[in-house]
Amino acid sequence: MTGTLINVGAILLGTGLGLLFKKGLPARLQDSLMKTMGLAILCIGLSGMLGAMATVKDGAVSFDGGLLLLVSLVVGVVAGELLDIDRRLGGLGQLIENKLKIQGFARGFVAAAVIFCVGAMSIVGALNEGLTGDYSLLIIKSTLDLVTGMVLTTTLGVGVGFAAAAVLVYQGGITLAAGLVAPYMTDALMGQITVVGNAIILCIGINFLFGEKVKTANLLPALLVPILYNLLTALV
C-alpha cells in the first residue's frame, strides 16, 4: 500500500498547490488552462489507445482490437446508463458539496476520480506492488498526478483533492487482491483494458474542451467487458 499512499499524498499536495495558485489566476486564464488541460488529456488518451492497439509486422503498422473496443464501449455505456453511475457519482459529489458549501465540488470530484483511476498505470502499478513490493511505477504515476491535480484544481477546485479517496480504495484494493487476480491478468488482457481505459480518458479531454458532452462515469463498466470476453473465450 506504500505506493498508493504516496500517490494519495501527491494528489493532495497537487490540490493544495492548485488552490494556492488559483487565488491569483483571472477567470480568463483559468478557462484557457481548462482548454489546454483538455487538449493534453485528449492527446494522452488518444496516444495511449492507439499505442495499445498498434502492432508492427514486416515493417507495417496495423491496429487491432477495434471491434472489442466498440463492443466494450457500447455494452459499458448501456450498463452505465441503466445503473446511472454518472448521476450517482455526481450525487455523491453534490452531497459533499452541499455539506461543505463548496461550489463546483461535484464536477471536480467526478472528473479527477476518473482521470486518476482509469489507466494502465493504476492497475499495473498496484499489481506490481501487491505481488513484488515494487511500487516504482506508482511513484511515476504520483508525479504525474501531482502535476495533473495542481492544474485541475486551478480550474475545478477542491473537489479534485477528494478524488484521492477513490484512488486509495481502487488502487489499494487491487494491491491487496493482487495475489488473487494476477494469474488472470495476461498481457493481452492488460492491453485490451488499456485501450478501453484510454478511450474513456480521451472522452474526458473532449469534455474539458467542449463542455460536458460525454458522461464518462457511465462508460466505466466498459473496463469489465475485456475481462468477460477473456473469460468466455477461455471457457469455449
Protein backbone atom coordinates (compact mmCIF):
# COMPACT_ATOMS: atom_id res chain seq x y z
CA MET A 1 0.00 0.00 0.00
CA THR A 2 3.04 2.30 0.24
CA GLY A 3 2.86 3.31 -3.42
CA THR A 4 -0.85 4.08 -3.20
CA LEU A 5 -0.35 6.14 -0.04
CA ILE A 6 2.39 8.14 -1.80
CA ASN A 7 0.01 8.60 -4.75
CA VAL A 8 -2.73 9.88 -2.43
CA GLY A 9 -0.26 12.29 -0.81
CA ALA A 10 0.85 13.57 -4.23
CA ILE A 11 -2.75 14.28 -5.25
CA LEU A 12 -3.40 16.15 -2.01
CA LEU A 13 -0.18 18.15 -2.44
CA GLY A 14 -1.11 18.98 -6.03
CA THR A 15 -4.55 20.09 -4.86
CA GLY A 16 -3.01 22.33 -2.20
CA LEU A 17 -0.68 23.95 -4.74
CA GLY A 18 -3.56 24.37 -7.17
CA LEU A 19 -5.66 26.15 -4.56
CA LEU A 20 -2.70 28.38 -3.75
CA PHE A 21 -2.15 29.38 -7.38
CA LYS A 22 -5.86 29.64 -8.18
CA LYS A 23 -6.32 32.69 -5.97
CA GLY A 24 -4.10 34.75 -8.24
CA LEU A 25 -5.46 33.49 -11.57
CA PRO A 26 -8.00 35.57 -13.52
CA ALA A 27 -11.10 33.77 -14.86
CA ARG A 28 -9.87 34.09 -18.46
CA LEU A 29 -6.61 32.34 -17.65
CA GLN A 30 -8.45 29.60 -15.73
CA ASP A 31 -10.62 28.97 -18.81
CA SER A 32 -7.52 28.80 -21.01
CA LEU A 33 -5.91 26.34 -18.59
CA MET A 34 -9.05 24.20 -18.70
CA LYS A 35 -8.94 24.06 -22.50
CA THR A 36 -5.18 23.36 -22.51
CA MET A 37 -5.62 20.60 -19.94
CA GLY A 38 -8.40 19.14 -22.08
CA LEU A 39 -6.18 19.09 -25.14
CA ALA A 40 -3.38 17.39 -23.19
CA ILE A 41 -5.75 14.77 -21.72
CA LEU A 42 -7.25 14.12 -25.16
CA CYS A 43 -3.78 13.60 -26.67
CA ILE A 44 -2.72 11.33 -23.79
CA GLY A 45 -5.86 9.22 -24.19
CA LEU A 46 -5.51 9.02 -27.97
CA SER A 47 -1.81 8.11 -27.90
CA GLY A 48 -2.37 5.52 -25.16
CA MET A 49 -5.27 3.96 -27.03
CA LEU A 50 -3.51 3.81 -30.41
CA GLY A 51 -0.26 2.67 -28.78
CA ALA A 52 -2.01 -0.29 -27.14
CA MET A 53 -3.79 -1.20 -30.40
CA ALA A 54 -0.77 -0.89 -32.70
CA THR A 55 1.21 -3.92 -33.85
CA VAL A 56 4.16 -3.96 -36.24
CA LYS A 57 4.59 -6.86 -38.64
CA ASP A 58 7.04 -6.95 -41.56
CA GLY A 59 7.59 -3.22 -41.22
CA ALA A 60 3.89 -2.42 -41.49
CA VAL A 61 1.84 -0.94 -38.65
CA SER A 62 -1.67 -2.27 -38.06
CA PHE A 63 -4.27 -1.59 -35.38
CA ASP A 64 -6.06 -4.47 -33.67
CA GLY A 65 -8.87 -4.62 -31.16
CA GLY A 66 -11.19 -2.07 -32.76
CA LEU A 67 -14.20 -4.38 -32.62
CA LEU A 68 -13.64 -5.27 -28.96
CA LEU A 69 -13.26 -1.56 -28.16
CA LEU A 70 -16.56 -0.79 -29.90
CA VAL A 71 -18.40 -3.63 -28.14
CA SER A 72 -16.84 -2.68 -24.79
CA LEU A 73 -17.94 0.95 -25.06
CA VAL A 74 -21.46 0.06 -26.26
CA VAL A 75 -22.03 -2.57 -23.56
CA GLY A 76 -20.36 -0.34 -20.99
CA VAL A 77 -22.46 2.73 -21.72
CA VAL A 78 -25.69 0.68 -21.72
CA ALA A 79 -24.78 -0.76 -18.30
CA GLY A 80 -23.64 2.65 -17.08
CA GLU A 81 -26.86 4.34 -18.19
CA LEU A 82 -29.01 1.62 -16.61
CA LEU A 83 -27.06 1.93 -13.35
CA ASP A 84 -26.94 5.72 -13.78
CA ILE A 85 -23.36 5.79 -12.48
CA ASP A 86 -22.70 9.37 -13.57
CA ARG A 87 -25.70 10.69 -11.64
CA ARG A 88 -24.85 8.60 -8.57
CA LEU A 89 -21.22 9.75 -8.53
CA GLY A 90 -22.34 13.29 -9.21
CA GLY A 91 -24.90 12.95 -6.42
CA LEU A 92 -22.19 11.85 -4.01
CA GLY A 93 -20.08 14.83 -5.01
CA GLN A 94 -23.12 17.10 -4.77
CA LEU A 95 -23.89 15.79 -1.28
CA ILE A 96 -20.38 16.64 -0.12
CA GLU A 97 -20.62 19.96 -1.98
CA ASN A 98 -23.80 20.85 -0.10
CA LYS A 99 -22.34 19.77 3.25
CA LEU A 100 -19.15 21.76 2.75
CA LYS A 101 -20.88 24.56 0.81
CA ILE A 102 -18.21 24.46 -1.91
CA GLN A 103 -19.46 25.42 -5.37
CA GLY A 104 -18.39 23.17 -8.26
CA PHE A 105 -17.17 20.38 -5.95
CA ALA A 106 -19.08 17.58 -7.72
CA ARG A 107 -17.61 18.24 -11.16
CA GLY A 108 -14.05 18.33 -9.87
CA PHE A 109 -14.51 15.18 -7.80
CA VAL A 110 -16.00 13.08 -10.64
CA ALA A 111 -13.58 14.27 -13.34
CA ALA A 112 -10.49 13.80 -11.17
CA ALA A 113 -11.60 10.39 -9.85
CA VAL A 114 -11.93 9.06 -13.40
CA ILE A 115 -8.62 10.59 -14.56
CA PHE A 116 -6.65 9.31 -11.56
CA CYS A 117 -8.17 5.80 -11.52
CA VAL A 118 -8.67 4.88 -15.18
CA GLY A 119 -5.45 3.79 -16.84
CA ALA A 120 -2.88 1.05 -17.11
CA MET A 121 -0.54 2.67 -14.58
CA SER A 122 -3.13 2.34 -11.82
CA ILE A 123 -3.72 -1.36 -12.47
CA VAL A 124 -0.18 -2.48 -13.32
CA GLY A 125 1.42 -0.33 -10.61
CA ALA A 126 -0.94 -1.60 -7.92
CA LEU A 127 -0.48 -5.21 -9.08
CA ASN A 128 3.32 -4.88 -9.08
CA GLU A 129 3.31 -3.59 -5.53
CA GLY A 130 0.99 -6.33 -4.34
CA LEU A 131 2.98 -9.12 -5.98
CA THR A 132 6.60 -7.97 -5.67
CA GLY A 133 6.58 -4.98 -3.32
CA ASP A 134 7.89 -2.81 -6.17
CA TYR A 135 5.94 0.46 -6.26
CA SER A 136 8.25 2.37 -8.62
CA LEU A 137 5.53 2.63 -11.28
CA LEU A 138 3.18 4.20 -8.74
CA ILE A 139 5.91 6.73 -7.89
CA ILE A 140 5.95 7.78 -11.55
CA LYS A 141 2.15 7.95 -11.55
CA SER A 142 2.27 10.02 -8.36
CA THR A 143 4.49 12.59 -10.06
CA LEU A 144 2.09 12.84 -12.99
CA ASP A 145 -0.94 13.02 -10.67
CA LEU A 146 0.68 15.79 -8.62
CA VAL A 147 1.00 18.00 -11.71
CA THR A 148 -2.41 16.96 -13.05
CA GLY A 149 -4.04 17.55 -9.67
CA MET A 150 -2.49 21.01 -9.42
CA VAL A 151 -3.70 22.10 -12.87
CA LEU A 152 -7.15 20.53 -12.41
CA THR A 153 -7.59 22.27 -9.07
CA THR A 154 -6.90 25.69 -10.56
CA THR A 155 -9.94 25.18 -12.81
CA LEU A 156 -12.21 22.71 -10.97
CA GLY A 157 -11.50 23.48 -7.32
CA VAL A 158 -11.04 21.47 -4.14
CA GLY A 159 -13.21 18.55 -5.31
CA VAL A 160 -10.12 17.26 -7.13
CA GLY A 161 -8.40 16.53 -3.81
CA PHE A 162 -11.26 14.38 -2.57
CA ALA A 163 -10.71 12.07 -5.55
CA ALA A 164 -7.66 10.85 -3.60
CA ALA A 165 -10.13 8.77 -1.57
CA ALA A 166 -11.21 6.97 -4.76
CA VAL A 167 -7.54 6.27 -5.57
CA LEU A 168 -6.97 4.87 -2.08
CA VAL A 169 -9.91 2.47 -2.36
CA TYR A 170 -9.32 1.49 -6.01
CA GLN A 171 -5.54 1.06 -6.13
CA GLY A 172 -5.34 -0.16 -2.55
CA GLY A 173 -7.98 -2.78 -3.31
CA ILE A 174 -6.04 -4.02 -6.35
CA THR A 175 -2.81 -4.22 -4.33
CA LEU A 176 -4.47 -6.20 -1.56
CA ALA A 177 -6.17 -8.54 -4.05
CA ALA A 178 -3.11 -8.88 -6.31
CA GLY A 179 -2.44 -12.49 -5.39
CA LEU A 180 -5.94 -13.47 -6.47
CA VAL A 181 -6.16 -11.62 -9.80
CA ALA A 182 -2.56 -11.78 -11.06
CA PRO A 183 -2.82 -15.25 -12.69
CA TYR A 184 -5.62 -13.96 -14.92
CA MET A 185 -4.03 -10.62 -15.90
CA THR A 186 -2.34 -11.66 -19.16
CA ASP A 187 -0.51 -9.18 -21.39
CA ALA A 188 -3.35 -9.42 -23.92
CA LEU A 189 -5.98 -8.62 -21.29
CA MET A 190 -3.95 -5.72 -19.92
CA GLY A 191 -3.63 -4.35 -23.46
CA GLN A 192 -7.38 -4.58 -24.01
CA ILE A 193 -8.16 -2.85 -20.70
CA THR A 194 -5.60 -0.15 -21.56
CA VAL A 195 -7.30 0.52 -24.91
CA VAL A 196 -10.73 0.93 -23.29
CA GLY A 197 -9.35 2.97 -20.39
CA ASN A 198 -7.56 5.40 -22.68
CA ALA A 199 -10.69 5.77 -24.82
CA ILE A 200 -12.50 6.93 -21.68
CA ILE A 201 -9.65 9.33 -20.87
CA LEU A 202 -9.95 10.71 -24.42
CA CYS A 203 -13.64 11.43 -23.71
CA ILE A 204 -12.63 13.36 -20.58
CA GLY A 205 -10.41 15.54 -22.77
CA ILE A 206 -13.37 16.19 -25.08
CA ASN A 207 -15.46 17.28 -22.10
CA PHE A 208 -12.77 19.70 -20.95
CA LEU A 209 -12.51 21.22 -24.42
CA PHE A 210 -16.18 21.42 -25.39
CA GLY A 211 -18.13 21.19 -22.14
CA GLU A 212 -19.89 18.16 -20.66
CA LYS A 213 -20.63 16.20 -23.87
CA VAL A 214 -19.93 12.65 -22.67
CA LYS A 215 -20.97 11.11 -19.34
CA THR A 216 -17.60 9.46 -18.78
CA ALA A 217 -18.56 7.81 -15.50
CA ASN A 218 -21.25 5.86 -17.36
CA LEU A 219 -18.51 4.39 -19.57
CA LEU A 220 -16.65 2.81 -16.62
CA PRO A 221 -18.39 -0.62 -16.92
CA ALA A 222 -16.69 -0.89 -20.34
CA LEU A 223 -13.48 -1.74 -18.46
CA LEU A 224 -15.07 -5.03 -17.37
CA VAL A 225 -16.01 -6.17 -20.90
CA PRO A 226 -12.47 -7.32 -21.91
CA ILE A 227 -12.35 -9.38 -18.69
CA LEU A 228 -15.69 -11.03 -19.50
CA TYR A 229 -14.57 -11.59 -23.10
CA ASN A 230 -11.40 -13.38 -21.99
CA LEU A 231 -13.34 -15.50 -19.50
CA LEU A 232 -15.79 -16.57 -22.21
CA THR A 233 -13.06 -17.38 -24.75
CA ALA A 234 -11.25 -19.45 -22.10
CA LEU A 235 -14.40 -21.49 -21.50
CA VAL A 236 -15.18 -22.11 -25.17
